[in-house]
Amino acid sequence: MPRETYSLSLYGIKACDTMKKARLWLDEHGQAYHFHDYKQSGIDRERLAAWCAEHGWDKVLNRAGTTFRKLDDAQKADLDTAKAIDLMLAQPSMIKRPVLDLGDRTLLGFKPELYAAALN
C-alpha cells in the first residue's frame, strides 16, 4: 500500500493548546497535513537551522515559555543561532509552535488569518 503524501507538515507538541487550534483550523478547512510531534519524535539540526535562517533564531526560540524561563542565566546569556539551536535540540519544548511547513516556506505560530492567506 503506498504511503500517503501530504503537501503540508505541521510541527509542534500534541498537547499544546495553540497546536490544537491550528490542527482544528486545518481540519475544518479540509487541509490534509502530516503532524510531527517534535517532543516525541525529535527534530533535526538541519530543519531547525533552516527555520532560523528563514525567520531568525529569536523568533523560532520560544523565550516566553516555561522551559526557557527555567534555564539558568548562564544558559540564557549570549544567545546566538548556534546556541539557540543547541537549546532547542536539547529541549524541543522551546521551539515556537506550531510551525507549518508549506513546502516553499514556513509559518510560525498560529493566526487564522495568516493560515487562510497562505492556503487559499
PDB file of N, CA and C in Angstrom:
ATOM      1  N   MET A   1       0.847  -1.184   0.000  1.00  0.00           N
ATOM      2  CA  MET A   1       0.000   0.000   0.000  1.00  0.00           C
ATOM      3  C   MET A   1       0.891   1.246   0.000  1.00  0.00           C
ATOM      4  N   PRO A   2       0.688   2.187  -0.910  1.00  0.00           N
ATOM      5  CA  PRO A   2       1.556   3.366  -0.963  1.00  0.00           C
ATOM      6  C   PRO A   2       1.344   4.259   0.248  1.00  0.00           C
ATOM      7  N   ARG A   3       2.431   4.862   0.671  1.00  0.00           N
ATOM      8  CA  ARG A   3       2.374   5.794   1.797  1.00  0.00           C
ATOM      9  C   ARG A   3       1.723   7.087   1.319  1.00  0.00           C
ATOM     10  N   GLU A   4       0.799   7.595   2.112  1.00  0.00           N
ATOM     11  CA  GLU A   4       0.125   8.834   1.744  1.00  0.00           C
ATOM     12  C   GLU A   4       1.105   9.999   1.859  1.00  0.00           C
ATOM     13  N   THR A   5       1.064  10.899   0.907  1.00  0.00           N
ATOM     14  CA  THR A   5       1.930  12.064   0.961  1.00  0.00           C
ATOM     15  C   THR A   5       1.088  13.306   1.193  1.00  0.00           C
ATOM     16  N   TYR A   6       1.673  14.247   1.874  1.00  0.00           N
ATOM     17  CA  TYR A   6       0.989  15.489   2.206  1.00  0.00           C
ATOM     18  C   TYR A   6       1.824  16.653   1.713  1.00  0.00           C
ATOM     19  N   SER A   7       1.169  17.703   1.280  1.00  0.00           N
ATOM     20  CA  SER A   7       1.920  18.882   0.868  1.00  0.00           C
ATOM     21  C   SER A   7       2.243  19.768   2.065  1.00  0.00           C
ATOM     22  N   LEU A   8       1.522  19.564   3.169  1.00  0.00           N
ATOM     23  CA  LEU A   8       1.744  20.363   4.376  1.00  0.00           C
ATOM     24  C   LEU A   8       2.266  19.474   5.506  1.00  0.00           C
ATOM     25  N   SER A   9       3.172  20.041   6.296  1.00  0.00           N
ATOM     26  CA  SER A   9       3.617  19.371   7.521  1.00  0.00           C
ATOM     27  C   SER A   9       3.463  20.355   8.661  1.00  0.00           C
ATOM     28  N   LEU A  10       2.908  19.878   9.753  1.00  0.00           N
ATOM     29  CA  LEU A  10       2.694  20.695  10.934  1.00  0.00           C
ATOM     30  C   LEU A  10       3.581  20.152  12.044  1.00  0.00           C
ATOM     31  N   TYR A  11       4.433  21.012  12.585  1.00  0.00           N
ATOM     32  CA  TYR A  11       5.379  20.626  13.631  1.00  0.00           C
ATOM     33  C   TYR A  11       4.973  21.271  14.941  1.00  0.00           C
ATOM     34  N   GLY A  12       5.052  20.486  16.014  1.00  0.00           N
ATOM     35  CA  GLY A  12       4.736  21.021  17.324  1.00  0.00           C
ATOM     36  C   GLY A  12       4.632  19.925  18.352  1.00  0.00           C
ATOM     37  N   ILE A  13       3.845  20.202  19.385  1.00  0.00           N
ATOM     38  CA  ILE A  13       3.638  19.289  20.502  1.00  0.00           C
ATOM     39  C   ILE A  13       2.144  19.017  20.613  1.00  0.00           C
ATOM     40  N   LYS A  14       1.795  17.752  20.662  1.00  0.00           N
ATOM     41  CA  LYS A  14       0.394  17.339  20.605  1.00  0.00           C
ATOM     42  C   LYS A  14      -0.497  18.023  21.646  1.00  0.00           C
ATOM     43  N   ALA A  15      -0.031  18.136  22.890  1.00  0.00           N
ATOM     44  CA  ALA A  15      -0.878  18.623  23.974  1.00  0.00           C
ATOM     45  C   ALA A  15      -1.002  20.148  24.040  1.00  0.00           C
ATOM     46  N   CYS A  16      -0.242  20.865  23.248  1.00  0.00           N
ATOM     47  CA  CYS A  16      -0.246  22.328  23.281  1.00  0.00           C
ATOM     48  C   CYS A  16      -1.589  22.888  22.797  1.00  0.00           C
ATOM     49  N   ASP A  17      -2.146  23.844  23.522  1.00  0.00           N
ATOM     50  CA  ASP A  17      -3.439  24.432  23.156  1.00  0.00           C
ATOM     51  C   ASP A  17      -3.393  25.134  21.803  1.00  0.00           C
ATOM     52  N   THR A  18      -2.303  25.842  21.517  1.00  0.00           N
ATOM     53  CA  THR A  18      -2.190  26.519  20.229  1.00  0.00           C
ATOM     54  C   THR A  18      -2.118  25.503  19.096  1.00  0.00           C
ATOM     55  N   MET A  19      -1.446  24.394  19.352  1.00  0.00           N
ATOM     56  CA  MET A  19      -1.387  23.317  18.355  1.00  0.00           C
ATOM     57  C   MET A  19      -2.782  22.776  18.071  1.00  0.00           C
ATOM     58  N   LYS A  20      -3.557  22.590  19.128  1.00  0.00           N
ATOM     59  CA  LYS A  20      -4.914  22.078  18.960  1.00  0.00           C
ATOM     60  C   LYS A  20      -5.741  23.017  18.079  1.00  0.00           C
ATOM     61  N   LYS A  21      -5.576  24.332  18.284  1.00  0.00           N
ATOM     62  CA  LYS A  21      -6.302  25.310  17.469  1.00  0.00           C
ATOM     63  C   LYS A  21      -5.868  25.232  16.008  1.00  0.00           C
ATOM     64  N   ALA A  22      -4.569  25.100  15.777  1.00  0.00           N
ATOM     65  CA  ALA A  22      -4.058  25.020  14.404  1.00  0.00           C
ATOM     66  C   ALA A  22      -4.551  23.750  13.717  1.00  0.00           C
ATOM     67  N   ARG A  23      -4.503  22.634  14.426  1.00  0.00           N
ATOM     68  CA  ARG A  23      -4.955  21.371  13.850  1.00  0.00           C
ATOM     69  C   ARG A  23      -6.452  21.419  13.539  1.00  0.00           C
ATOM     70  N   LEU A  24      -7.236  21.987  14.445  1.00  0.00           N
ATOM     71  CA  LEU A  24      -8.671  22.120  14.226  1.00  0.00           C
ATOM     72  C   LEU A  24      -8.941  23.006  13.006  1.00  0.00           C
ATOM     73  N   TRP A  25      -8.209  24.117  12.892  1.00  0.00           N
ATOM     74  CA  TRP A  25      -8.394  25.009  11.735  1.00  0.00           C
ATOM     75  C   TRP A  25      -8.093  24.267  10.439  1.00  0.00           C
ATOM     76  N   LEU A  26      -6.967  23.557  10.388  1.00  0.00           N
ATOM     77  CA  LEU A  26      -6.602  22.814   9.181  1.00  0.00           C
ATOM     78  C   LEU A  26      -7.658  21.761   8.849  1.00  0.00           C
ATOM     79  N   ASP A  27      -8.137  21.045   9.875  1.00  0.00           N
ATOM     80  CA  ASP A  27      -9.170  20.026   9.661  1.00  0.00           C
ATOM     81  C   ASP A  27     -10.461  20.655   9.139  1.00  0.00           C
ATOM     82  N   GLU A  28     -10.884  21.745   9.759  1.00  0.00           N
ATOM     83  CA  GLU A  28     -12.133  22.401   9.360  1.00  0.00           C
ATOM     84  C   GLU A  28     -12.064  22.988   7.953  1.00  0.00           C
ATOM     85  N   HIS A  29     -10.864  23.289   7.489  1.00  0.00           N
ATOM     86  CA  HIS A  29     -10.691  23.875   6.158  1.00  0.00           C
ATOM     87  C   HIS A  29     -10.231  22.841   5.131  1.00  0.00           C
ATOM     88  N   GLY A  30     -10.357  21.564   5.487  1.00  0.00           N
ATOM     89  CA  GLY A  30     -10.080  20.492   4.542  1.00  0.00           C
ATOM     90  C   GLY A  30      -8.633  20.401   4.087  1.00  0.00           C
ATOM     91  N   GLN A  31      -7.717  20.832   4.938  1.00  0.00           N
ATOM     92  CA  GLN A  31      -6.297  20.808   4.593  1.00  0.00           C
ATOM     93  C   GLN A  31      -5.652  19.542   5.162  1.00  0.00           C
ATOM     94  N   ALA A  32      -5.233  18.646   4.290  1.00  0.00           N
ATOM     95  CA  ALA A  32      -4.531  17.439   4.731  1.00  0.00           C
ATOM     96  C   ALA A  32      -3.099  17.814   5.104  1.00  0.00           C
ATOM     97  N   TYR A  33      -2.603  17.226   6.169  1.00  0.00           N
ATOM     98  CA  TYR A  33      -1.257  17.545   6.629  1.00  0.00           C
ATOM     99  C   TYR A  33      -0.678  16.363   7.402  1.00  0.00           C
ATOM    100  N   HIS A  34       0.626  16.349   7.464  1.00  0.00           N
ATOM    101  CA  HIS A  34       1.344  15.387   8.298  1.00  0.00           C
ATOM    102  C   HIS A  34       1.687  16.108   9.597  1.00  0.00           C
ATOM    103  N   PHE A  35       1.406  15.488  10.739  1.00  0.00           N
ATOM    104  CA  PHE A  35       1.750  16.081  12.027  1.00  0.00           C
ATOM    105  C   PHE A  35       3.012  15.442  12.576  1.00  0.00           C
ATOM    106  N   HIS A  36       3.981  16.275  12.945  1.00  0.00           N
ATOM    107  CA  HIS A  36       5.237  15.807  13.533  1.00  0.00           C
ATOM    108  C   HIS A  36       5.344  16.382  14.939  1.00  0.00           C
ATOM    109  N   ASP A  37       5.260  15.510  15.926  1.00  0.00           N
ATOM    110  CA  ASP A  37       5.394  15.922  17.331  1.00  0.00           C
ATOM    111  C   ASP A  37       6.881  15.906  17.671  1.00  0.00           C
ATOM    112  N   TYR A  38       7.496  17.085  17.752  1.00  0.00           N
ATOM    113  CA  TYR A  38       8.934  17.106  17.968  1.00  0.00           C
ATOM    114  C   TYR A  38       9.327  16.859  19.411  1.00  0.00           C
ATOM    115  N   LYS A  39       8.375  16.809  20.300  1.00  0.00           N
ATOM    116  CA  LYS A  39       8.707  16.401  21.669  1.00  0.00           C
ATOM    117  C   LYS A  39       8.867  14.879  21.721  1.00  0.00           C
ATOM    118  N   GLN A  40       8.044  14.152  20.956  1.00  0.00           N
ATOM    119  CA  GLN A  40       8.129  12.692  20.917  1.00  0.00           C
ATOM    120  C   GLN A  40       9.141  12.192  19.892  1.00  0.00           C
ATOM    121  N   SER A  41       9.141  12.793  18.712  1.00  0.00           N
ATOM    122  CA  SER A  41       9.955  12.291  17.606  1.00  0.00           C
ATOM    123  C   SER A  41      11.261  13.050  17.401  1.00  0.00           C
ATOM    124  N   GLY A  42      11.446  14.137  18.135  1.00  0.00           N
ATOM    125  CA  GLY A  42      12.649  14.927  17.973  1.00  0.00           C
ATOM    126  C   GLY A  42      12.591  15.801  16.728  1.00  0.00           C
ATOM    127  N   ILE A  43      13.663  16.516  16.508  1.00  0.00           N
ATOM    128  CA  ILE A  43      13.777  17.406  15.354  1.00  0.00           C
ATOM    129  C   ILE A  43      15.247  17.415  14.953  1.00  0.00           C
ATOM    130  N   ASP A  44      15.511  17.565  13.684  1.00  0.00           N
ATOM    131  CA  ASP A  44      16.911  17.533  13.265  1.00  0.00           C
ATOM    132  C   ASP A  44      17.496  18.938  13.173  1.00  0.00           C
ATOM    133  N   ARG A  45      18.798  19.001  13.362  1.00  0.00           N
ATOM    134  CA  ARG A  45      19.521  20.273  13.359  1.00  0.00           C
ATOM    135  C   ARG A  45      19.318  21.038  12.044  1.00  0.00           C
ATOM    136  N   GLU A  46      19.327  20.316  10.919  1.00  0.00           N
ATOM    137  CA  GLU A  46      19.202  20.974   9.618  1.00  0.00           C
ATOM    138  C   GLU A  46      17.864  21.699   9.480  1.00  0.00           C
ATOM    139  N   ARG A  47      16.798  21.066   9.957  1.00  0.00           N
ATOM    140  CA  ARG A  47      15.472  21.696   9.869  1.00  0.00           C
ATOM    141  C   ARG A  47      15.417  22.937  10.760  1.00  0.00           C
ATOM    142  N   LEU A  48      15.929  22.819  11.983  1.00  0.00           N
ATOM    143  CA  LEU A  48      15.959  23.980  12.882  1.00  0.00           C
ATOM    144  C   LEU A  48      16.795  25.108  12.290  1.00  0.00           C
ATOM    145  N   ALA A  49      17.932  24.753  11.713  1.00  0.00           N
ATOM    146  CA  ALA A  49      18.796  25.770  11.099  1.00  0.00           C
ATOM    147  C   ALA A  49      18.073  26.467   9.948  1.00  0.00           C
ATOM    148  N   ALA A  50      17.314  25.709   9.159  1.00  0.00           N
ATOM    149  CA  ALA A  50      16.557  26.302   8.048  1.00  0.00           C
ATOM    150  C   ALA A  50      15.490  27.258   8.573  1.00  0.00           C
ATOM    151  N   TRP A  51      14.780  26.847   9.630  1.00  0.00           N
ATOM    152  CA  TRP A  51      13.765  27.737  10.219  1.00  0.00           C
ATOM    153  C   TRP A  51      14.403  29.002  10.760  1.00  0.00           C
ATOM    154  N   CYS A  52      15.558  28.859  11.404  1.00  0.00           N
ATOM    155  CA  CYS A  52      16.258  30.025  11.954  1.00  0.00           C
ATOM    156  C   CYS A  52      16.748  30.942  10.831  1.00  0.00           C
ATOM    157  N   ALA A  53      17.198  30.361   9.735  1.00  0.00           N
ATOM    158  CA  ALA A  53      17.639  31.165   8.598  1.00  0.00           C
ATOM    159  C   ALA A  53      16.457  31.927   7.990  1.00  0.00           C
ATOM    160  N   GLU A  54      15.299  31.294   7.961  1.00  0.00           N
ATOM    161  CA  GLU A  54      14.117  31.916   7.370  1.00  0.00           C
ATOM    162  C   GLU A  54      13.512  32.999   8.270  1.00  0.00           C
ATOM    163  N   HIS A  55      13.437  32.710   9.567  1.00  0.00           N
ATOM    164  CA  HIS A  55      12.710  33.606  10.483  1.00  0.00           C
ATOM    165  C   HIS A  55      13.588  34.335  11.486  1.00  0.00           C
ATOM    166  N   GLY A  56      14.811  33.850  11.699  1.00  0.00           N
ATOM    167  CA  GLY A  56      15.658  34.376  12.777  1.00  0.00           C
ATOM    168  C   GLY A  56      15.506  33.493  14.006  1.00  0.00           C
ATOM    169  N   TRP A  57      16.628  33.148  14.636  1.00  0.00           N
ATOM    170  CA  TRP A  57      16.569  32.252  15.800  1.00  0.00           C
ATOM    171  C   TRP A  57      15.715  32.837  16.908  1.00  0.00           C
ATOM    172  N   ASP A  58      15.699  34.171  17.008  1.00  0.00           N
ATOM    173  CA  ASP A  58      14.955  34.825  18.078  1.00  0.00           C
ATOM    174  C   ASP A  58      13.445  34.669  17.928  1.00  0.00           C
ATOM    175  N   LYS A  59      12.979  34.336  16.724  1.00  0.00           N
ATOM    176  CA  LYS A  59      11.548  34.064  16.512  1.00  0.00           C
ATOM    177  C   LYS A  59      11.242  32.578  16.700  1.00  0.00           C
ATOM    178  N   VAL A  60      12.199  31.711  16.369  1.00  0.00           N
ATOM    179  CA  VAL A  60      11.986  30.264  16.472  1.00  0.00           C
ATOM    180  C   VAL A  60      12.101  29.798  17.917  1.00  0.00           C
ATOM    181  N   LEU A  61      12.998  30.401  18.672  1.00  0.00           N
ATOM    182  CA  LEU A  61      13.170  30.060  20.086  1.00  0.00           C
ATOM    183  C   LEU A  61      12.085  30.743  20.896  1.00  0.00           C
ATOM    184  N   ASN A  62      11.268  29.957  21.584  1.00  0.00           N
ATOM    185  CA  ASN A  62      10.171  30.492  22.386  1.00  0.00           C
ATOM    186  C   ASN A  62      10.704  30.881  23.766  1.00  0.00           C
ATOM    187  N   ARG A  63      11.089  32.143  23.904  1.00  0.00           N
ATOM    188  CA  ARG A  63      11.640  32.619  25.179  1.00  0.00           C
ATOM    189  C   ARG A  63      10.559  32.937  26.201  1.00  0.00           C
ATOM    190  N   ALA A  64       9.296  32.952  25.768  1.00  0.00           N
ATOM    191  CA  ALA A  64       8.202  33.232  26.701  1.00  0.00           C
ATOM    192  C   ALA A  64       7.743  31.973  27.432  1.00  0.00           C
ATOM    193  N   GLY A  65       8.142  30.810  26.955  1.00  0.00           N
ATOM    194  CA  GLY A  65       7.678  29.553  27.532  1.00  0.00           C
ATOM    195  C   GLY A  65       8.358  29.198  28.838  1.00  0.00           C
ATOM    196  N   THR A  66       7.707  28.329  29.584  1.00  0.00           N
ATOM    197  CA  THR A  66       8.207  27.886  30.886  1.00  0.00           C
ATOM    198  C   THR A  66       9.568  27.217  30.779  1.00  0.00           C
ATOM    199  N   THR A  67       9.761  26.395  29.760  1.00  0.00           N
ATOM    200  CA  THR A  67      11.018  25.653  29.624  1.00  0.00           C
ATOM    201  C   THR A  67      12.199  26.617  29.516  1.00  0.00           C
ATOM    202  N   PHE A  68      12.059  27.657  28.707  1.00  0.00           N
ATOM    203  CA  PHE A  68      13.150  28.625  28.571  1.00  0.00           C
ATOM    204  C   PHE A  68      13.339  29.423  29.859  1.00  0.00           C
ATOM    205  N   ARG A  69      12.249  29.841  30.462  1.00  0.00           N
ATOM    206  CA  ARG A  69      12.345  30.664  31.673  1.00  0.00           C
ATOM    207  C   ARG A  69      13.008  29.915  32.822  1.00  0.00           C
ATOM    208  N   LYS A  70      12.914  28.582  32.828  1.00  0.00           N
ATOM    209  CA  LYS A  70      13.525  27.779  33.889  1.00  0.00           C
ATOM    210  C   LYS A  70      15.035  27.611  33.726  1.00  0.00           C
ATOM    211  N   LEU A  71      15.575  27.963  32.568  1.00  0.00           N
ATOM    212  CA  LEU A  71      17.013  27.847  32.354  1.00  0.00           C
ATOM    213  C   LEU A  71      17.754  28.793  33.284  1.00  0.00           C
ATOM    214  N   ASP A  72      18.980  28.425  33.633  1.00  0.00           N
ATOM    215  CA  ASP A  72      19.760  29.346  34.457  1.00  0.00           C
ATOM    216  C   ASP A  72      20.275  30.485  33.579  1.00  0.00           C
ATOM    217  N   ASP A  73      20.697  31.564  34.227  1.00  0.00           N
ATOM    218  CA  ASP A  73      21.106  32.764  33.498  1.00  0.00           C
ATOM    219  C   ASP A  73      22.253  32.509  32.537  1.00  0.00           C
ATOM    220  N   ALA A  74      23.163  31.608  32.884  1.00  0.00           N
ATOM    221  CA  ALA A  74      24.303  31.310  32.013  1.00  0.00           C
ATOM    222  C   ALA A  74      23.829  30.701  30.689  1.00  0.00           C
ATOM    223  N   GLN A  75      22.793  29.861  30.742  1.00  0.00           N
ATOM    224  CA  GLN A  75      22.266  29.251  29.518  1.00  0.00           C
ATOM    225  C   GLN A  75      21.544  30.277  28.643  1.00  0.00           C
ATOM    226  N   LYS A  76      20.979  31.302  29.279  1.00  0.00           N
ATOM    227  CA  LYS A  76      20.243  32.329  28.542  1.00  0.00           C
ATOM    228  C   LYS A  76      21.146  33.432  27.999  1.00  0.00           C
ATOM    229  N   ALA A  77      22.370  33.511  28.511  1.00  0.00           N
ATOM    230  CA  ALA A  77      23.278  34.606  28.164  1.00  0.00           C
ATOM    231  C   ALA A  77      23.907  34.384  26.788  1.00  0.00           C
ATOM    232  N   ASP A  78      24.205  35.491  26.130  1.00  0.00           N
ATOM    233  CA  ASP A  78      24.955  35.486  24.869  1.00  0.00           C
ATOM    234  C   ASP A  78      24.387  34.530  23.827  1.00  0.00           C
ATOM    235  N   LEU A  79      23.072  34.541  23.671  1.00  0.00           N
ATOM    236  CA  LEU A  79      22.454  33.657  22.687  1.00  0.00           C
ATOM    237  C   LEU A  79      22.797  34.090  21.271  1.00  0.00           C
ATOM    238  N   ASP A  80      23.040  33.115  20.433  1.00  0.00           N
ATOM    239  CA  ASP A  80      23.215  33.320  19.007  1.00  0.00           C
ATOM    240  C   ASP A  80      22.553  32.125  18.316  1.00  0.00           C
ATOM    241  N   THR A  81      22.641  32.062  17.024  1.00  0.00           N
ATOM    242  CA  THR A  81      21.967  30.990  16.290  1.00  0.00           C
ATOM    243  C   THR A  81      22.403  29.614  16.764  1.00  0.00           C
ATOM    244  N   ALA A  82      23.702  29.391  16.846  1.00  0.00           N
ATOM    245  CA  ALA A  82      24.212  28.064  17.222  1.00  0.00           C
ATOM    246  C   ALA A  82      23.764  27.672  18.631  1.00  0.00           C
ATOM    247  N   LYS A  83      23.853  28.592  19.569  1.00  0.00           N
ATOM    248  CA  LYS A  83      23.461  28.291  20.947  1.00  0.00           C
ATOM    249  C   LYS A  83      21.949  28.057  21.040  1.00  0.00           C
ATOM    250  N   ALA A  84      21.173  28.856  20.320  1.00  0.00           N
ATOM    251  CA  ALA A  84      19.712  28.696  20.321  1.00  0.00           C
ATOM    252  C   ALA A  84      19.321  27.334  19.743  1.00  0.00           C
ATOM    253  N   ILE A  85      19.977  26.939  18.653  1.00  0.00           N
ATOM    254  CA  ILE A  85      19.680  25.637  18.045  1.00  0.00           C
ATOM    255  C   ILE A  85      20.037  24.511  19.016  1.00  0.00           C
ATOM    256  N   ASP A  86      21.174  24.619  19.683  1.00  0.00           N
ATOM    257  CA  ASP A  86      21.558  23.604  20.675  1.00  0.00           C
ATOM    258  C   ASP A  86      20.517  23.495  21.789  1.00  0.00           C
ATOM    259  N   LEU A  87      20.031  24.631  22.276  1.00  0.00           N
ATOM    260  CA  LEU A  87      18.996  24.619  23.316  1.00  0.00           C
ATOM    261  C   LEU A  87      17.723  23.937  22.819  1.00  0.00           C
ATOM    262  N   MET A  88      17.304  24.259  21.594  1.00  0.00           N
ATOM    263  CA  MET A  88      16.068  23.695  21.047  1.00  0.00           C
ATOM    264  C   MET A  88      16.206  22.205  20.748  1.00  0.00           C
ATOM    265  N   LEU A  89      17.394  21.777  20.326  1.00  0.00           N
ATOM    266  CA  LEU A  89      17.612  20.348  20.112  1.00  0.00           C
ATOM    267  C   LEU A  89      17.546  19.589  21.433  1.00  0.00           C
ATOM    268  N   ALA A  90      18.125  20.172  22.477  1.00  0.00           N
ATOM    269  CA  ALA A  90      18.138  19.526  23.791  1.00  0.00           C
ATOM    270  C   ALA A  90      16.741  19.488  24.407  1.00  0.00           C
ATOM    271  N   GLN A  91      15.953  20.542  24.165  1.00  0.00           N
ATOM    272  CA  GLN A  91      14.612  20.637  24.749  1.00  0.00           C
ATOM    273  C   GLN A  91      13.650  21.211  23.700  1.00  0.00           C
ATOM    274  N   PRO A  92      13.086  20.340  22.868  1.00  0.00           N
ATOM    275  CA  PRO A  92      12.213  20.801  21.781  1.00  0.00           C
ATOM    276  C   PRO A  92      11.011  21.619  22.243  1.00  0.00           C
ATOM    277  N   SER A  93      10.671  21.556  23.526  1.00  0.00           N
ATOM    278  CA  SER A  93       9.569  22.388  24.036  1.00  0.00           C
ATOM    279  C   SER A  93       9.865  23.870  23.861  1.00  0.00           C
ATOM    280  N   MET A  94      11.120  24.228  23.640  1.00  0.00           N
ATOM    281  CA  MET A  94      11.496  25.636  23.464  1.00  0.00           C
ATOM    282  C   MET A  94      11.285  26.126  22.037  1.00  0.00           C
ATOM    283  N   ILE A  95      10.883  25.257  21.125  1.00  0.00           N
ATOM    284  CA  ILE A  95      10.639  25.678  19.749  1.00  0.00           C
ATOM    285  C   ILE A  95       9.250  26.309  19.662  1.00  0.00           C
ATOM    286  N   LYS A  96       9.186  27.468  19.035  1.00  0.00           N
ATOM    287  CA  LYS A  96       7.896  28.125  18.807  1.00  0.00           C
ATOM    288  C   LYS A  96       6.965  27.152  18.101  1.00  0.00           C
ATOM    289  N   ARG A  97       5.717  27.177  18.450  1.00  0.00           N
ATOM    290  CA  ARG A  97       4.779  26.263  17.815  1.00  0.00           C
ATOM    291  C   ARG A  97       3.443  26.955  17.576  1.00  0.00           C
ATOM    292  N   PRO A  98       2.776  26.422  16.582  1.00  0.00           N
ATOM    293  CA  PRO A  98       3.204  25.425  15.614  1.00  0.00           C
ATOM    294  C   PRO A  98       4.118  26.017  14.554  1.00  0.00           C
ATOM    295  N   VAL A  99       4.779  25.133  13.815  1.00  0.00           N
ATOM    296  CA  VAL A  99       5.488  25.501  12.597  1.00  0.00           C
ATOM    297  C   VAL A  99       4.763  24.765  11.474  1.00  0.00           C
ATOM    298  N   LEU A 100       4.205  25.519  10.548  1.00  0.00           N
ATOM    299  CA  LEU A 100       3.508  24.936   9.408  1.00  0.00           C
ATOM    300  C   LEU A 100       4.422  25.046   8.194  1.00  0.00           C
ATOM    301  N   ASP A 101       4.835  23.894   7.684  1.00  0.00           N
ATOM    302  CA  ASP A 101       5.714  23.848   6.517  1.00  0.00           C
ATOM    303  C   ASP A 101       4.847  23.773   5.267  1.00  0.00           C
ATOM    304  N   LEU A 102       4.911  24.824   4.464  1.00  0.00           N
ATOM    305  CA  LEU A 102       4.119  24.916   3.240  1.00  0.00           C
ATOM    306  C   LEU A 102       4.864  24.356   2.035  1.00  0.00           C
ATOM    307  N   GLY A 103       6.089  23.922   2.233  1.00  0.00           N
ATOM    308  CA  GLY A 103       6.896  23.409   1.132  1.00  0.00           C
ATOM    309  C   GLY A 103       7.941  24.416   0.690  1.00  0.00           C
ATOM    310  N   ASP A 104       7.495  25.628   0.368  1.00  0.00           N
ATOM    311  CA  ASP A 104       8.433  26.662  -0.078  1.00  0.00           C
ATOM    312  C   ASP A 104       8.748  27.673   1.018  1.00  0.00           C
ATOM    313  N   ARG A 105       8.023  27.609   2.123  1.00  0.00           N
ATOM    314  CA  ARG A 105       8.244  28.492   3.273  1.00  0.00           C
ATOM    315  C   ARG A 105       7.505  27.936   4.464  1.00  0.00           C
ATOM    316  N   THR A 106       7.736  28.541   5.625  1.00  0.00           N
ATOM    317  CA  THR A 106       7.054  28.092   6.837  1.00  0.00           C
ATOM    318  C   THR A 106       6.356  29.269   7.512  1.00  0.00           C
ATOM    319  N   LEU A 107       5.329  28.931   8.289  1.00  0.00           N
ATOM    320  CA  LEU A 107       4.650  29.902   9.137  1.00  0.00           C
ATOM    321  C   LEU A 107       4.922  29.521  10.584  1.00  0.00           C
ATOM    322  N   LEU A 108       5.268  30.506  11.405  1.00  0.00           N
ATOM    323  CA  LEU A 108       5.487  30.278  12.834  1.00  0.00           C
ATOM    324  C   LEU A 108       4.278  30.751  13.616  1.00  0.00           C
ATOM    325  N   GLY A 109       3.871  29.969  14.603  1.00  0.00           N
ATOM    326  CA  GLY A 109       2.720  30.337  15.414  1.00  0.00           C
ATOM    327  C   GLY A 109       1.430  30.082  14.661  1.00  0.00           C
ATOM    328  N   PHE A 110       0.318  30.379  15.308  1.00  0.00           N
ATOM    329  CA  PHE A 110      -0.974  30.177  14.657  1.00  0.00           C
ATOM    330  C   PHE A 110      -1.788  31.456  14.692  1.00  0.00           C
ATOM    331  N   LYS A 111      -2.073  31.968  13.508  1.00  0.00           N
ATOM    332  CA  LYS A 111      -3.002  33.073  13.336  1.00  0.00           C
ATOM    333  C   LYS A 111      -3.907  32.664  12.186  1.00  0.00           C
ATOM    334  N   PRO A 112      -5.208  32.502  12.439  1.00  0.00           N
ATOM    335  CA  PRO A 112      -6.124  32.035  11.405  1.00  0.00           C
ATOM    336  C   PRO A 112      -6.028  32.836  10.107  1.00  0.00           C
ATOM    337  N   GLU A 113      -5.861  34.152  10.211  1.00  0.00           N
ATOM    338  CA  GLU A 113      -5.814  34.966   9.005  1.00  0.00           C
ATOM    339  C   GLU A 113      -4.564  34.685   8.168  1.00  0.00           C
ATOM    340  N   LEU A 114      -3.437  34.355   8.818  1.00  0.00           N
ATOM    341  CA  LEU A 114      -2.223  34.013   8.073  1.00  0.00           C
ATOM    342  C   LEU A 114      -2.358  32.647   7.405  1.00  0.00           C
ATOM    343  N   TYR A 115      -2.962  31.711   8.116  1.00  0.00           N
ATOM    344  CA  TYR A 115      -3.203  30.393   7.516  1.00  0.00           C
ATOM    345  C   TYR A 115      -4.118  30.532   6.305  1.00  0.00           C
ATOM    346  N   ALA A 116      -5.188  31.321   6.458  1.00  0.00           N
ATOM    347  CA  ALA A 116      -6.134  31.498   5.361  1.00  0.00           C
ATOM    348  C   ALA A 116      -5.449  32.126   4.158  1.00  0.00           C
ATOM    349  N   ALA A 117      -4.647  33.169   4.389  1.00  0.00           N
ATOM    350  CA  ALA A 117      -3.967  33.833   3.282  1.00  0.00           C
ATOM    351  C   ALA A 117      -2.983  32.904   2.583  1.00  0.00           C
ATOM    352  N   ALA A 118      -2.296  32.061   3.336  1.00  0.00           N
ATOM    353  CA  ALA A 118      -1.289  31.167   2.760  1.00  0.00           C
ATOM    354  C   ALA A 118      -1.905  29.987   2.028  1.00  0.00           C
ATOM    355  N   LEU A 119      -3.078  29.551   2.469  1.00  0.00           N
ATOM    356  CA  LEU A 119      -3.639  28.295   1.951  1.00  0.00           C
ATOM    357  C   LEU A 119      -4.818  28.484   1.007  1.00  0.00           C
ATOM    358  N   ASN A 120      -5.311  29.677   0.845  1.00  0.00           N
ATOM    359  CA  ASN A 120      -6.468  29.885  -0.047  1.00  0.00           C
ATOM    360  C   ASN A 120      -6.071  30.659  -1.282  1.00  0.00           C
TER     361      ASN A 120
END
